């Protein structure tokens, strides 16, 4: 994607019910996706925009992220895969876990944007 341009196909996630802490968890989810995208080679959706509260035109918390093709690996699709494809999936997963395990933090907890800095 070119900087500042939204592709034709995106995923809009709209909260059904805003719980008391859902704005905090959405902000952490968005910050985590941006962080992982910047610090690793793990394929993470691009965040085009979000609002973690109901204070917007649609009246619900929402995020707009890049659409990512994929398959659910639970159940029969996994069972039907050839051994080589299963091994490739396991290797890919191991590479993801390795990259995440190499990220270092000086404290525990969730990831958030600094309040005085705009998200990238």
PDB file of N, CA and C in Angstrom:
ATOM      1  N   UNK A   1       0.836  -1.186   0.000  1.00  0.00           N
ATOM      2  CA  UNK A   1       0.000   0.000   0.000  1.00  0.00           C
ATOM      3  C   UNK A   1       0.878   1.244   0.000  1.00  0.00           C
ATOM      4  N   UNK A   2       0.498   2.203  -0.785  1.00  0.00           N
ATOM      5  CA  UNK A   2       1.225   3.465  -0.782  1.00  0.00           C
ATOM      6  C   UNK A   2       0.829   4.281   0.433  1.00  0.00           C
ATOM      7  N   UNK A   3       1.793   5.016   0.974  1.00  0.00           N
ATOM      8  CA  UNK A   3       1.572   5.835   2.163  1.00  0.00           C
ATOM      9  C   UNK A   3       0.340   6.725   1.990  1.00  0.00           C
ATOM     10  N   UNK A   4      -0.573   6.685   2.954  1.00  0.00           N
ATOM     11  CA  UNK A   4      -1.722   7.567   2.946  1.00  0.00           C
ATOM     12  C   UNK A   4      -2.886   7.135   2.073  1.00  0.00           C
ATOM     13  N   UNK A   5      -2.765   6.016   1.373  1.00  0.00           N
ATOM     14  CA  UNK A   5      -3.856   5.557   0.518  1.00  0.00           C
ATOM     15  C   UNK A   5      -4.480   4.294   1.096  1.00  0.00           C
ATOM     16  N   UNK A   6      -5.790   4.268   1.103  1.00  0.00           N
ATOM     17  CA  UNK A   6      -6.519   3.104   1.586  1.00  0.00           C
ATOM     18  C   UNK A   6      -6.905   2.260   0.372  1.00  0.00           C
ATOM     19  N   UNK A   7      -6.620   0.949   0.406  1.00  0.00           N
ATOM     20  CA  UNK A   7      -6.969   0.092  -0.734  1.00  0.00           C
ATOM     21  C   UNK A   7      -8.483  -0.072  -0.861  1.00  0.00           C
ATOM     22  N   UNK A   8      -8.906  -0.652  -1.977  1.00  0.00           N
ATOM     23  CA  UNK A   8     -10.336  -0.872  -2.213  1.00  0.00           C
ATOM     24  C   UNK A   8     -10.950  -1.822  -1.188  1.00  0.00           C
ATOM     25  N   UNK A   9     -10.189  -2.814  -0.750  1.00  0.00           N
ATOM     26  CA  UNK A   9     -10.717  -3.829   0.156  1.00  0.00           C
ATOM     27  C   UNK A   9     -10.102  -3.640   1.541  1.00  0.00           C
ATOM     28  N   UNK A  10     -10.931  -3.302   2.521  1.00  0.00           N
ATOM     29  CA  UNK A  10     -10.494  -3.150   3.905  1.00  0.00           C
ATOM     30  C   UNK A  10     -11.461  -3.918   4.802  1.00  0.00           C
ATOM     31  N   UNK A  11     -11.086  -4.033   6.058  1.00  0.00           N
ATOM     32  CA  UNK A  11     -11.940  -4.669   7.046  1.00  0.00           C
ATOM     33  C   UNK A  11     -12.348  -3.602   8.052  1.00  0.00           C
ATOM     34  N   UNK A  12     -13.636  -3.386   8.197  1.00  0.00           N
ATOM     35  CA  UNK A  12     -14.153  -2.453   9.205  1.00  0.00           C
ATOM     36  C   UNK A  12     -14.682  -3.285  10.364  1.00  0.00           C
ATOM     37  N   UNK A  13     -14.102  -3.083  11.518  1.00  0.00           N
ATOM     38  CA  UNK A  13     -14.544  -3.798  12.712  1.00  0.00           C
ATOM     39  C   UNK A  13     -15.324  -2.814  13.570  1.00  0.00           C
ATOM     40  N   UNK A  14     -16.570  -3.137  13.842  1.00  0.00           N
ATOM     41  CA  UNK A  14     -17.434  -2.257  14.620  1.00  0.00           C
ATOM     42  C   UNK A  14     -17.859  -2.997  15.879  1.00  0.00           C
ATOM     43  N   UNK A  15     -17.673  -2.353  17.027  1.00  0.00           N
ATOM     44  CA  UNK A  15     -18.055  -2.965  18.296  1.00  0.00           C
ATOM     45  C   UNK A  15     -19.572  -3.038  18.396  1.00  0.00           C
ATOM     46  N   UNK A  16     -20.079  -4.164  18.839  1.00  0.00           N
ATOM     47  CA  UNK A  16     -21.528  -4.293  19.045  1.00  0.00           C
ATOM     48  C   UNK A  16     -21.938  -3.608  20.335  1.00  0.00           C
ATOM     49  N   UNK A  17     -21.210  -3.868  21.393  1.00  0.00           N
ATOM     50  CA  UNK A  17     -21.491  -3.258  22.691  1.00  0.00           C
ATOM     51  C   UNK A  17     -20.192  -2.694  23.229  1.00  0.00           C
ATOM     52  N   UNK A  18     -20.235  -1.476  23.676  1.00  0.00           N
ATOM     53  CA  UNK A  18     -19.039  -0.880  24.269  1.00  0.00           C
ATOM     54  C   UNK A  18     -19.093  -1.135  25.767  1.00  0.00           C
ATOM     55  N   UNK A  19     -18.190  -1.964  26.230  1.00  0.00           N
ATOM     56  CA  UNK A  19     -18.094  -2.243  27.656  1.00  0.00           C
ATOM     57  C   UNK A  19     -17.246  -1.155  28.301  1.00  0.00           C
ATOM     58  N   UNK A  20     -17.209  -1.133  29.590  1.00  0.00           N
ATOM     59  CA  UNK A  20     -16.522  -0.045  30.284  1.00  0.00           C
ATOM     60  C   UNK A  20     -15.039   0.038  29.936  1.00  0.00           C
ATOM     61  N   UNK A  21     -14.409  -1.078  29.587  1.00  0.00           N
ATOM     62  CA  UNK A  21     -12.980  -1.046  29.291  1.00  0.00           C
ATOM     63  C   UNK A  21     -12.677  -1.355  27.828  1.00  0.00           C
ATOM     64  N   UNK A  22     -13.684  -1.423  26.975  1.00  0.00           N
ATOM     65  CA  UNK A  22     -13.425  -1.809  25.590  1.00  0.00           C
ATOM     66  C   UNK A  22     -12.612  -0.767  24.842  1.00  0.00           C
ATOM     67  N   UNK A  23     -12.756   0.525  25.198  1.00  0.00           N
ATOM     68  CA  UNK A  23     -11.957   1.542  24.522  1.00  0.00           C
ATOM     69  C   UNK A  23     -10.485   1.348  24.839  1.00  0.00           C
ATOM     70  N   UNK A  24     -10.192   0.952  26.069  1.00  0.00           N
ATOM     71  CA  UNK A  24      -8.804   0.703  26.461  1.00  0.00           C
ATOM     72  C   UNK A  24      -8.271  -0.526  25.735  1.00  0.00           C
ATOM     73  N   UNK A  25      -9.060  -1.600  25.666  1.00  0.00           N
ATOM     74  CA  UNK A  25      -8.573  -2.808  25.006  1.00  0.00           C
ATOM     75  C   UNK A  25      -8.429  -2.590  23.503  1.00  0.00           C
ATOM     76  N   UNK A  26      -9.315  -1.807  22.884  1.00  0.00           N
ATOM     77  CA  UNK A  26      -9.167  -1.533  21.457  1.00  0.00           C
ATOM     78  C   UNK A  26      -7.907  -0.706  21.207  1.00  0.00           C
ATOM     79  N   UNK A  27      -7.657   0.294  22.044  1.00  0.00           N
ATOM     80  CA  UNK A  27      -6.444   1.096  21.867  1.00  0.00           C
ATOM     81  C   UNK A  27      -5.196   0.231  22.004  1.00  0.00           C
ATOM     82  N   UNK A  28      -5.212  -0.704  22.947  1.00  0.00           N
ATOM     83  CA  UNK A  28      -4.078  -1.600  23.119  1.00  0.00           C
ATOM     84  C   UNK A  28      -3.931  -2.534  21.920  1.00  0.00           C
ATOM     85  N   UNK A  29      -5.039  -3.043  21.407  1.00  0.00           N
ATOM     86  CA  UNK A  29      -4.987  -3.925  20.242  1.00  0.00           C
ATOM     87  C   UNK A  29      -4.394  -3.190  19.036  1.00  0.00           C
ATOM     88  N   UNK A  30      -4.837  -1.964  18.809  1.00  0.00           N
ATOM     89  CA  UNK A  30      -4.334  -1.173  17.687  1.00  0.00           C
ATOM     90  C   UNK A  30      -2.851  -0.869  17.884  1.00  0.00           C
ATOM     91  N   UNK A  31      -2.472  -0.432  19.081  1.00  0.00           N
ATOM     92  CA  UNK A  31      -1.064  -0.122  19.358  1.00  0.00           C
ATOM     93  C   UNK A  31      -0.192  -1.362  19.196  1.00  0.00           C
ATOM     94  N   UNK A  32      -0.697  -2.518  19.606  1.00  0.00           N
ATOM     95  CA  UNK A  32       0.058  -3.762  19.473  1.00  0.00           C
ATOM     96  C   UNK A  32       0.245  -4.132  18.006  1.00  0.00           C
ATOM     97  N   UNK A  33      -0.809  -3.986  17.194  1.00  0.00           N
ATOM     98  CA  UNK A  33      -0.669  -4.285  15.761  1.00  0.00           C
ATOM     99  C   UNK A  33       0.371  -3.371  15.118  1.00  0.00           C
ATOM    100  N   UNK A  34       0.321  -2.085  15.445  1.00  0.00           N
ATOM    101  CA  UNK A  34       1.284  -1.133  14.872  1.00  0.00           C
ATOM    102  C   UNK A  34       2.694  -1.477  15.335  1.00  0.00           C
ATOM    103  N   UNK A  35       2.873  -1.780  16.614  1.00  0.00           N
ATOM    104  CA  UNK A  35       4.185  -2.111  17.163  1.00  0.00           C
ATOM    105  C   UNK A  35       4.764  -3.354  16.487  1.00  0.00           C
ATOM    106  N   UNK A  36       3.970  -4.418  16.406  1.00  0.00           N
ATOM    107  CA  UNK A  36       4.451  -5.670  15.802  1.00  0.00           C
ATOM    108  C   UNK A  36       4.781  -5.453  14.333  1.00  0.00           C
ATOM    109  N   UNK A  37       3.971  -4.672  13.648  1.00  0.00           N
ATOM    110  CA  UNK A  37       4.236  -4.380  12.228  1.00  0.00           C
ATOM    111  C   UNK A  37       5.554  -3.623  12.055  1.00  0.00           C
ATOM    112  N   UNK A  38       5.850  -2.695  12.965  1.00  0.00           N
ATOM    113  CA  UNK A  38       7.072  -1.890  12.864  1.00  0.00           C
ATOM    114  C   UNK A  38       8.329  -2.641  13.306  1.00  0.00           C
ATOM    115  N   UNK A  39       8.195  -3.556  14.262  1.00  0.00           N
ATOM    116  CA  UNK A  39       9.363  -4.191  14.886  1.00  0.00           C
ATOM    117  C   UNK A  39       9.671  -5.597  14.398  1.00  0.00           C
ATOM    118  N   UNK A  40       8.796  -6.176  13.554  1.00  0.00           N
ATOM    119  CA  UNK A  40       9.011  -7.546  13.087  1.00  0.00           C
ATOM    120  C   UNK A  40       8.679  -7.629  11.599  1.00  0.00           C
ATOM    121  N   UNK A  41       8.852  -8.824  11.066  1.00  0.00           N
ATOM    122  CA  UNK A  41       8.413  -9.074   9.687  1.00  0.00           C
ATOM    123  C   UNK A  41       7.120  -9.895   9.672  1.00  0.00           C
ATOM    124  N   UNK A  42       6.477 -10.008  10.821  1.00  0.00           N
ATOM    125  CA  UNK A  42       5.221 -10.749  10.932  1.00  0.00           C
ATOM    126  C   UNK A  42       4.145 -10.004  10.144  1.00  0.00           C
ATOM    127  N   UNK A  43       3.404 -10.717   9.289  1.00  0.00           N
ATOM    128  CA  UNK A  43       2.354 -10.038   8.521  1.00  0.00           C
ATOM    129  C   UNK A  43       1.183  -9.633   9.422  1.00  0.00           C
ATOM    130  N   UNK A  44       1.083  -8.342   9.667  1.00  0.00           N
ATOM    131  CA  UNK A  44       0.043  -7.779  10.525  1.00  0.00           C
ATOM    132  C   UNK A  44      -0.744  -6.763   9.701  1.00  0.00           C
ATOM    133  N   UNK A  45      -2.061  -6.710   9.854  1.00  0.00           N
ATOM    134  CA  UNK A  45      -2.836  -5.736   9.082  1.00  0.00           C
ATOM    135  C   UNK A  45      -2.368  -4.294   9.311  1.00  0.00           C
ATOM    136  N   UNK A  46      -2.508  -3.480   8.272  1.00  0.00           N
ATOM    137  CA  UNK A  46      -2.234  -2.046   8.372  1.00  0.00           C
ATOM    138  C   UNK A  46      -3.452  -1.398   9.020  1.00  0.00           C
ATOM    139  N   UNK A  47      -3.220  -0.526   9.993  1.00  0.00           N
ATOM    140  CA  UNK A  47      -4.307   0.208  10.639  1.00  0.00           C
ATOM    141  C   UNK A  47      -4.489   1.529   9.895  1.00  0.00           C
ATOM    142  N   UNK A  48      -5.667   1.724   9.312  1.00  0.00           N
ATOM    143  CA  UNK A  48      -5.953   2.963   8.576  1.00  0.00           C
ATOM    144  C   UNK A  48      -6.653   3.994   9.445  1.00  0.00           C
ATOM    145  N   UNK A  49      -7.342   3.543  10.466  1.00  0.00           N
ATOM    146  CA  UNK A  49      -8.020   4.471  11.363  1.00  0.00           C
ATOM    147  C   UNK A  49      -8.794   3.713  12.414  1.00  0.00           C
ATOM    148  N   UNK A  50      -9.100   4.408  13.503  1.00  0.00           N
ATOM    149  CA  UNK A  50      -9.900   3.791  14.554  1.00  0.00           C
ATOM    150  C   UNK A  50     -10.446   4.866  15.478  1.00  0.00           C
ATOM    151  N   UNK A  51     -11.491   4.523  16.189  1.00  0.00           N
ATOM    152  CA  UNK A  51     -12.030   5.349  17.261  1.00  0.00           C
ATOM    153  C   UNK A  51     -12.476   4.382  18.345  1.00  0.00           C
ATOM    154  N   UNK A  52     -11.846   4.419  19.515  1.00  0.00           N
ATOM    155  CA  UNK A  52     -12.156   3.435  20.551  1.00  0.00           C
ATOM    156  C   UNK A  52     -13.406   3.754  21.371  1.00  0.00           C
ATOM    157  N   UNK A  53     -14.092   4.851  21.064  1.00  0.00           N
ATOM    158  CA  UNK A  53     -15.280   5.233  21.834  1.00  0.00           C
ATOM    159  C   UNK A  53     -16.491   5.365  20.913  1.00  0.00           C
ATOM    160  N   UNK A  54     -17.645   5.643  21.506  1.00  0.00           N
ATOM    161  CA  UNK A  54     -18.876   5.868  20.739  1.00  0.00           C
ATOM    162  C   UNK A  54     -18.959   7.285  20.187  1.00  0.00           C
ATOM    163  N   UNK A  55     -18.010   8.125  20.512  1.00  0.00           N
ATOM    164  CA  UNK A  55     -18.065   9.545  20.143  1.00  0.00           C
ATOM    165  C   UNK A  55     -17.580   9.747  18.714  1.00  0.00           C
ATOM    166  N   UNK A  56     -18.396   9.300  17.764  1.00  0.00           N
ATOM    167  CA  UNK A  56     -18.076   9.429  16.342  1.00  0.00           C
ATOM    168  C   UNK A  56     -19.371   9.336  15.542  1.00  0.00           C
ATOM    169  N   UNK A  57     -19.279   9.443  14.241  1.00  0.00           N
ATOM    170  CA  UNK A  57     -20.463   9.497  13.375  1.00  0.00           C
ATOM    171  C   UNK A  57     -21.314   8.231  13.409  1.00  0.00           C
ATOM    172  N   UNK A  58     -20.704   7.062  13.674  1.00  0.00           N
ATOM    173  CA  UNK A  58     -21.497   5.829  13.678  1.00  0.00           C
ATOM    174  C   UNK A  58     -21.976   5.434  15.072  1.00  0.00           C
ATOM    175  N   UNK A  59     -21.497   6.110  16.097  1.00  0.00           N
ATOM    176  CA  UNK A  59     -21.967   5.856  17.451  1.00  0.00           C
ATOM    177  C   UNK A  59     -21.462   4.576  18.084  1.00  0.00           C
ATOM    178  N   UNK A  60     -20.411   3.983  17.537  1.00  0.00           N
ATOM    179  CA  UNK A  60     -19.801   2.770  18.091  1.00  0.00           C
ATOM    180  C   UNK A  60     -18.293   2.832  17.900  1.00  0.00           C
ATOM    181  N   UNK A  61     -17.584   2.147  18.766  1.00  0.00           N
ATOM    182  CA  UNK A  61     -16.139   2.016  18.581  1.00  0.00           C
ATOM    183  C   UNK A  61     -15.889   1.235  17.298  1.00  0.00           C
ATOM    184  N   UNK A  62     -14.845   1.609  16.563  1.00  0.00           N
ATOM    185  CA  UNK A  62     -14.561   0.916  15.307  1.00  0.00           C
ATOM    186  C   UNK A  62     -13.083   1.006  14.969  1.00  0.00           C
ATOM    187  N   UNK A  63     -12.660   0.121  14.074  1.00  0.00           N
ATOM    188  CA  UNK A  63     -11.324   0.220  13.486  1.00  0.00           C
ATOM    189  C   UNK A  63     -11.434  -0.155  12.015  1.00  0.00           C
ATOM    190  N   UNK A  64     -10.561   0.428  11.217  1.00  0.00           N
ATOM    191  CA  UNK A  64     -10.477   0.104   9.797  1.00  0.00           C
ATOM    192  C   UNK A  64      -9.054  -0.370   9.545  1.00  0.00           C
ATOM    193  N   UNK A  65      -8.929  -1.630   9.131  1.00  0.00           N
ATOM    194  CA  UNK A  65      -7.618  -2.233   8.915  1.00  0.00           C
ATOM    195  C   UNK A  65      -7.581  -2.883   7.536  1.00  0.00           C
ATOM    196  N   UNK A  66      -6.375  -3.188   7.084  1.00  0.00           N
ATOM    197  CA  UNK A  66      -6.247  -3.836   5.780  1.00  0.00           C
ATOM    198  C   UNK A  66      -6.849  -5.233   5.844  1.00  0.00           C
ATOM    199  N   UNK A  67      -7.454  -5.642   4.748  1.00  0.00           N
ATOM    200  CA  UNK A  67      -8.031  -6.978   4.641  1.00  0.00           C
ATOM    201  C   UNK A  67      -6.906  -7.960   4.369  1.00  0.00           C
ATOM    202  N   UNK A  68      -6.901  -9.060   5.089  1.00  0.00           N
ATOM    203  CA  UNK A  68      -5.876 -10.075   4.928  1.00  0.00           C
ATOM    204  C   UNK A  68      -6.542 -11.398   4.577  1.00  0.00           C
ATOM    205  N   UNK A  69      -6.132 -11.977   3.461  1.00  0.00           N
ATOM    206  CA  UNK A  69      -6.651 -13.293   3.072  1.00  0.00           C
ATOM    207  C   UNK A  69      -6.084 -14.338   4.022  1.00  0.00           C
ATOM    208  N   UNK A  70      -6.853 -15.364   4.284  1.00  0.00           N
ATOM    209  CA  UNK A  70      -6.339 -16.420   5.138  1.00  0.00           C
ATOM    210  C   UNK A  70      -7.372 -17.507   5.360  1.00  0.00           C
ATOM    211  N   UNK A  71      -6.955 -18.532   6.061  1.00  0.00           N
ATOM    212  CA  UNK A  71      -7.828 -19.660   6.373  1.00  0.00           C
ATOM    213  C   UNK A  71      -7.759 -19.947   7.856  1.00  0.00           C
ATOM    214  N   UNK A  72      -8.861 -20.385   8.398  1.00  0.00           N
ATOM    215  CA  UNK A  72      -8.915 -20.839   9.774  1.00  0.00           C
ATOM    216  C   UNK A  72      -8.288 -22.230   9.808  1.00  0.00           C
ATOM    217  N   UNK A  73      -7.285 -22.425  10.638  1.00  0.00           N
ATOM    218  CA  UNK A  73      -6.578 -23.709  10.657  1.00  0.00           C
ATOM    219  C   UNK A  73      -7.185 -24.705  11.646  1.00  0.00           C
ATOM    220  N   UNK A  74      -8.297 -24.354  12.266  1.00  0.00           N
ATOM    221  CA  UNK A  74      -8.963 -25.283  13.182  1.00  0.00           C
ATOM    222  C   UNK A  74      -9.847 -26.247  12.407  1.00  0.00           C
ATOM    223  N   UNK A  75      -9.977 -27.447  12.920  1.00  0.00           N
ATOM    224  CA  UNK A  75     -10.917 -28.399  12.341  1.00  0.00           C
ATOM    225  C   UNK A  75     -10.448 -29.050  11.062  1.00  0.00           C
ATOM    226  N   UNK A  76     -11.403 -29.351  10.193  1.00  0.00           N
ATOM    227  CA  UNK A  76     -11.129 -30.179   9.022  1.00  0.00           C
ATOM    228  C   UNK A  76     -10.152 -29.590   8.010  1.00  0.00           C
ATOM    229  N   UNK A  77     -10.092 -28.252   7.761  1.00  0.00           N
ATOM    230  CA  UNK A  77      -9.088 -27.794   6.786  1.00  0.00           C
ATOM    231  C   UNK A  77      -7.677 -28.264   7.169  1.00  0.00           C
ATOM    232  N   UNK A  78      -7.343 -28.206   8.449  1.00  0.00           N
ATOM    233  CA  UNK A  78      -6.026 -28.658   8.907  1.00  0.00           C
ATOM    234  C   UNK A  78      -5.888 -30.157   8.686  1.00  0.00           C
ATOM    235  N   UNK A  79      -6.914 -30.885   9.042  1.00  0.00           N
ATOM    236  CA  UNK A  79      -6.875 -32.344   8.913  1.00  0.00           C
ATOM    237  C   UNK A  79      -6.677 -32.785   7.466  1.00  0.00           C
ATOM    238  N   UNK A  80      -7.189 -32.002   6.522  1.00  0.00           N
ATOM    239  CA  UNK A  80      -7.122 -32.364   5.105  1.00  0.00           C
ATOM    240  C   UNK A  80      -5.823 -31.932   4.424  1.00  0.00           C
ATOM    241  N   UNK A  81      -4.993 -31.154   5.099  1.00  0.00           N
ATOM    242  CA  UNK A  81      -3.754 -30.674   4.479  1.00  0.00           C
ATOM    243  C   UNK A  81      -2.730 -31.792   4.326  1.00  0.00           C
ATOM    244  N   UNK A  82      -1.962 -31.706   3.260  1.00  0.00           N
ATOM    245  CA  UNK A  82      -0.847 -32.638   3.067  1.00  0.00           C
ATOM    246  C   UNK A  82       0.206 -32.369   4.138  1.00  0.00           C
ATOM    247  N   UNK A  83       0.998 -33.378   4.445  1.00  0.00           N
ATOM    248  CA  UNK A  83       2.009 -33.264   5.494  1.00  0.00           C
ATOM    249  C   UNK A  83       2.952 -32.090   5.240  1.00  0.00           C
ATOM    250  N   UNK A  84       3.402 -31.895   4.012  1.00  0.00           N
ATOM    251  CA  UNK A  84       4.338 -30.802   3.709  1.00  0.00           C
ATOM    252  C   UNK A  84       3.716 -29.436   4.009  1.00  0.00           C
ATOM    253  N   UNK A  85       2.436 -29.271   3.705  1.00  0.00           N
ATOM    254  CA  UNK A  85       1.757 -28.004   4.003  1.00  0.00           C
ATOM    255  C   UNK A  85       1.617 -27.794   5.507  1.00  0.00           C
ATOM    256  N   UNK A  86       1.367 -28.875   6.240  1.00  0.00           N
ATOM    257  CA  UNK A  86       1.307 -28.774   7.702  1.00  0.00           C
ATOM    258  C   UNK A  86       2.662 -28.358   8.259  1.00  0.00           C
ATOM    259  N   UNK A  87       3.732 -28.974   7.741  1.00  0.00           N
ATOM    260  CA  UNK A  87       5.078 -28.623   8.204  1.00  0.00           C
ATOM    261  C   UNK A  87       5.403 -27.170   7.889  1.00  0.00           C
ATOM    262  N   UNK A  88       5.018 -26.687   6.717  1.00  0.00           N
ATOM    263  CA  UNK A  88       5.237 -25.280   6.367  1.00  0.00           C
ATOM    264  C   UNK A  88       4.499 -24.352   7.324  1.00  0.00           C
ATOM    265  N   UNK A  89       3.261 -24.699   7.654  1.00  0.00           N
ATOM    266  CA  UNK A  89       2.475 -23.882   8.581  1.00  0.00           C
ATOM    267  C   UNK A  89       3.123 -23.860   9.963  1.00  0.00           C
ATOM    268  N   UNK A  90       3.612 -25.008  10.415  1.00  0.00           N
ATOM    269  CA  UNK A  90       4.266 -25.086  11.726  1.00  0.00           C
ATOM    270  C   UNK A  90       5.558 -24.274  11.723  1.00  0.00           C
ATOM    271  N   UNK A  91       6.324 -24.331  10.644  1.00  0.00           N
ATOM    272  CA  UNK A  91       7.555 -23.529  10.541  1.00  0.00           C
ATOM    273  C   UNK A  91       7.233 -22.033  10.558  1.00  0.00           C
ATOM    274  N   UNK A  92       6.201 -21.637   9.811  1.00  0.00           N
ATOM    275  CA  UNK A  92       5.788 -20.228   9.807  1.00  0.00           C
ATOM    276  C   UNK A  92       5.399 -19.775  11.210  1.00  0.00           C
ATOM    277  N   UNK A  93       4.639 -20.605  11.896  1.00  0.00           N
ATOM    278  CA  UNK A  93       4.225 -20.287  13.263  1.00  0.00           C
ATOM    279  C   UNK A  93       5.443 -20.167  14.181  1.00  0.00           C
ATOM    280  N   UNK A  94       6.394 -21.078  14.042  1.00  0.00           N
ATOM    281  CA  UNK A  94       7.613 -21.034  14.859  1.00  0.00           C
ATOM    282  C   UNK A  94       8.392 -19.744  14.604  1.00  0.00           C
ATOM    283  N   UNK A  95       8.460 -19.295  13.350  1.00  0.00           N
ATOM    284  CA  UNK A  95       9.150 -18.034  13.036  1.00  0.00           C
ATOM    285  C   UNK A  95       8.450 -16.844  13.695  1.00  0.00           C
ATOM    286  N   UNK A  96       7.129 -16.882  13.726  1.00  0.00           N
ATOM    287  CA  UNK A  96       6.371 -15.808  14.380  1.00  0.00           C
ATOM    288  C   UNK A  96       6.650 -15.799  15.877  1.00  0.00           C
ATOM    289  N   UNK A  97       6.572 -16.965  16.507  1.00  0.00           N
ATOM    290  CA  UNK A  97       6.823 -17.063  17.945  1.00  0.00           C
ATOM    291  C   UNK A  97       8.249 -16.619  18.269  1.00  0.00           C
ATOM    292  N   UNK A  98       9.219 -16.996  17.442  1.00  0.00           N
ATOM    293  CA  UNK A  98      10.605 -16.590  17.660  1.00  0.00           C
ATOM    294  C   UNK A  98      10.735 -15.072  17.625  1.00  0.00           C
ATOM    295  N   UNK A  99      10.164 -14.434  16.611  1.00  0.00           N
ATOM    296  CA  UNK A  99      10.254 -12.972  16.523  1.00  0.00           C
ATOM    297  C   UNK A  99       9.599 -12.296  17.727  1.00  0.00           C
ATOM    298  N   UNK A 100       8.435 -12.782  18.131  1.00  0.00           N
ATOM    299  CA  UNK A 100       7.760 -12.188  19.284  1.00  0.00           C
ATOM    300  C   UNK A 100       8.565 -12.391  20.561  1.00  0.00           C
ATOM    301  N   UNK A 101       9.209 -13.545  20.690  1.00  0.00           N
ATOM    302  CA  UNK A 101       9.996 -13.819  21.902  1.00  0.00           C
ATOM    303  C   UNK A 101      11.248 -12.956  21.985  1.00  0.00           C
ATOM    304  N   UNK A 102      11.688 -12.400  20.867  1.00  0.00           N
ATOM    305  CA  UNK A 102      12.892 -11.571  20.862  1.00  0.00           C
ATOM    306  C   UNK A 102      12.607 -10.099  21.155  1.00  0.00           C
ATOM    307  N   UNK A 103      11.346  -9.722  21.227  1.00  0.00           N
ATOM    308  CA  UNK A 103      10.997  -8.346  21.582  1.00  0.00           C
ATOM    309  C   UNK A 103      11.214  -8.160  23.077  1.00  0.00           C
ATOM    310  N   UNK A 104      11.872  -7.092  23.445  1.00  0.00           N
ATOM    311  CA  UNK A 104      12.193  -6.841  24.855  1.00  0.00           C
ATOM    312  C   UNK A 104      11.418  -5.629  25.362  1.00  0.00           C
ATOM    313  N   UNK A 105      10.945  -5.732  26.588  1.00  0.00           N
ATOM    314  CA  UNK A 105      10.183  -4.661  27.222  1.00  0.00           C
ATOM    315  C   UNK A 105      10.749  -4.404  28.609  1.00  0.00           C
ATOM    316  N   UNK A 106      10.646  -3.168  29.062  1.00  0.00           N
ATOM    317  CA  UNK A 106      11.165  -2.838  30.388  1.00  0.00           C
ATOM    318  C   UNK A 106      10.086  -2.893  31.470  1.00  0.00           C
ATOM    319  N   UNK A 107       8.875  -3.275  31.095  1.00  0.00           N
ATOM    320  CA  UNK A 107       7.795  -3.437  32.064  1.00  0.00           C
ATOM    321  C   UNK A 107       6.762  -4.426  31.523  1.00  0.00           C
ATOM    322  N   UNK A 108       5.852  -4.825  32.391  1.00  0.00           N
ATOM    323  CA  UNK A 108       4.812  -5.767  31.972  1.00  0.00           C
ATOM    324  C   UNK A 108       3.514  -5.011  31.692  1.00  0.00           C
ATOM    325  N   UNK A 109       2.590  -5.670  31.014  1.00  0.00           N
ATOM    326  CA  UNK A 109       1.290  -5.060  30.757  1.00  0.00           C
ATOM    327  C   UNK A 109       1.010  -4.951  29.274  1.00  0.00           C
ATOM    328  N   UNK A 110      -0.005  -4.203  28.957  1.00  0.00           N
ATOM    329  CA  UNK A 110      -0.438  -4.021  27.575  1.00  0.00           C
ATOM    330  C   UNK A 110       0.333  -2.890  26.908  1.00  0.00           C
ATOM    331  N   UNK A 111       0.324  -2.892  25.580  1.00  0.00           N
ATOM    332  CA  UNK A 111       0.983  -1.852  24.793  1.00  0.00           C
ATOM    333  C   UNK A 111      -0.042  -0.773  24.464  1.00  0.00           C
ATOM    334  N   UNK A 112       0.364   0.489  24.642  1.00  0.00           N
ATOM    335  CA  UNK A 112      -0.488   1.628  24.306  1.00  0.00           C
ATOM    336  C   UNK A 112       0.345   2.680  23.610  1.00  0.00           C
ATOM    337  N   UNK A 113      -0.324   3.553  22.846  1.00  0.00           N
ATOM    338  CA  UNK A 113       0.346   4.726  22.300  1.00  0.00           C
ATOM    339  C   UNK A 113       0.577   5.713  23.437  1.00  0.00           C
ATOM    340  N   UNK A 114       1.636   6.509  23.334  1.00  0.00           N
ATOM    341  CA  UNK A 114       1.806   7.603  24.277  1.00  0.00           C
ATOM    342  C   UNK A 114       0.667   8.580  24.050  1.00  0.00           C
ATOM    343  N   UNK A 115       0.139   9.147  25.121  1.00  0.00           N
ATOM    344  CA  UNK A 115      -1.001  10.062  24.979  1.00  0.00           C
ATOM    345  C   UNK A 115      -0.646  11.329  24.223  1.00  0.00           C
ATOM    346  N   UNK A 116       0.615  11.724  24.287  1.00  0.00           N
ATOM    347  CA  UNK A 116       0.996  12.972  23.629  1.00  0.00           C
ATOM    348  C   UNK A 116       1.564  12.753  22.232  1.00  0.00           C
ATOM    349  N   UNK A 117       1.524  11.521  21.738  1.00  0.00           N
ATOM    350  CA  UNK A 117       2.064  11.238  20.404  1.00  0.00           C
ATOM    351  C   UNK A 117       0.981  10.620  19.529  1.00  0.00           C
ATOM    352  N   UNK A 118       0.928  11.033  18.303  1.00  0.00           N
ATOM    353  CA  UNK A 118      -0.036  10.457  17.359  1.00  0.00           C
ATOM    354  C   UNK A 118       0.472   9.104  16.880  1.00  0.00           C
ATOM    355  N   UNK A 119      -0.431   8.145  16.629  1.00  0.00           N
ATOM    356  CA  UNK A 119       0.016   6.848  16.107  1.00  0.00           C
ATOM    357  C   UNK A 119       0.610   7.002  14.720  1.00  0.00           C
ATOM    358  N   UNK A 120       1.586   6.153  14.378  1.00  0.00           N
ATOM    359  CA  UNK A 120       2.192   6.243  13.039  1.00  0.00           C
ATOM    360  C   UNK A 120       1.205   5.889  11.949  1.00  0.00           C
TER     361      UNK A 120
END
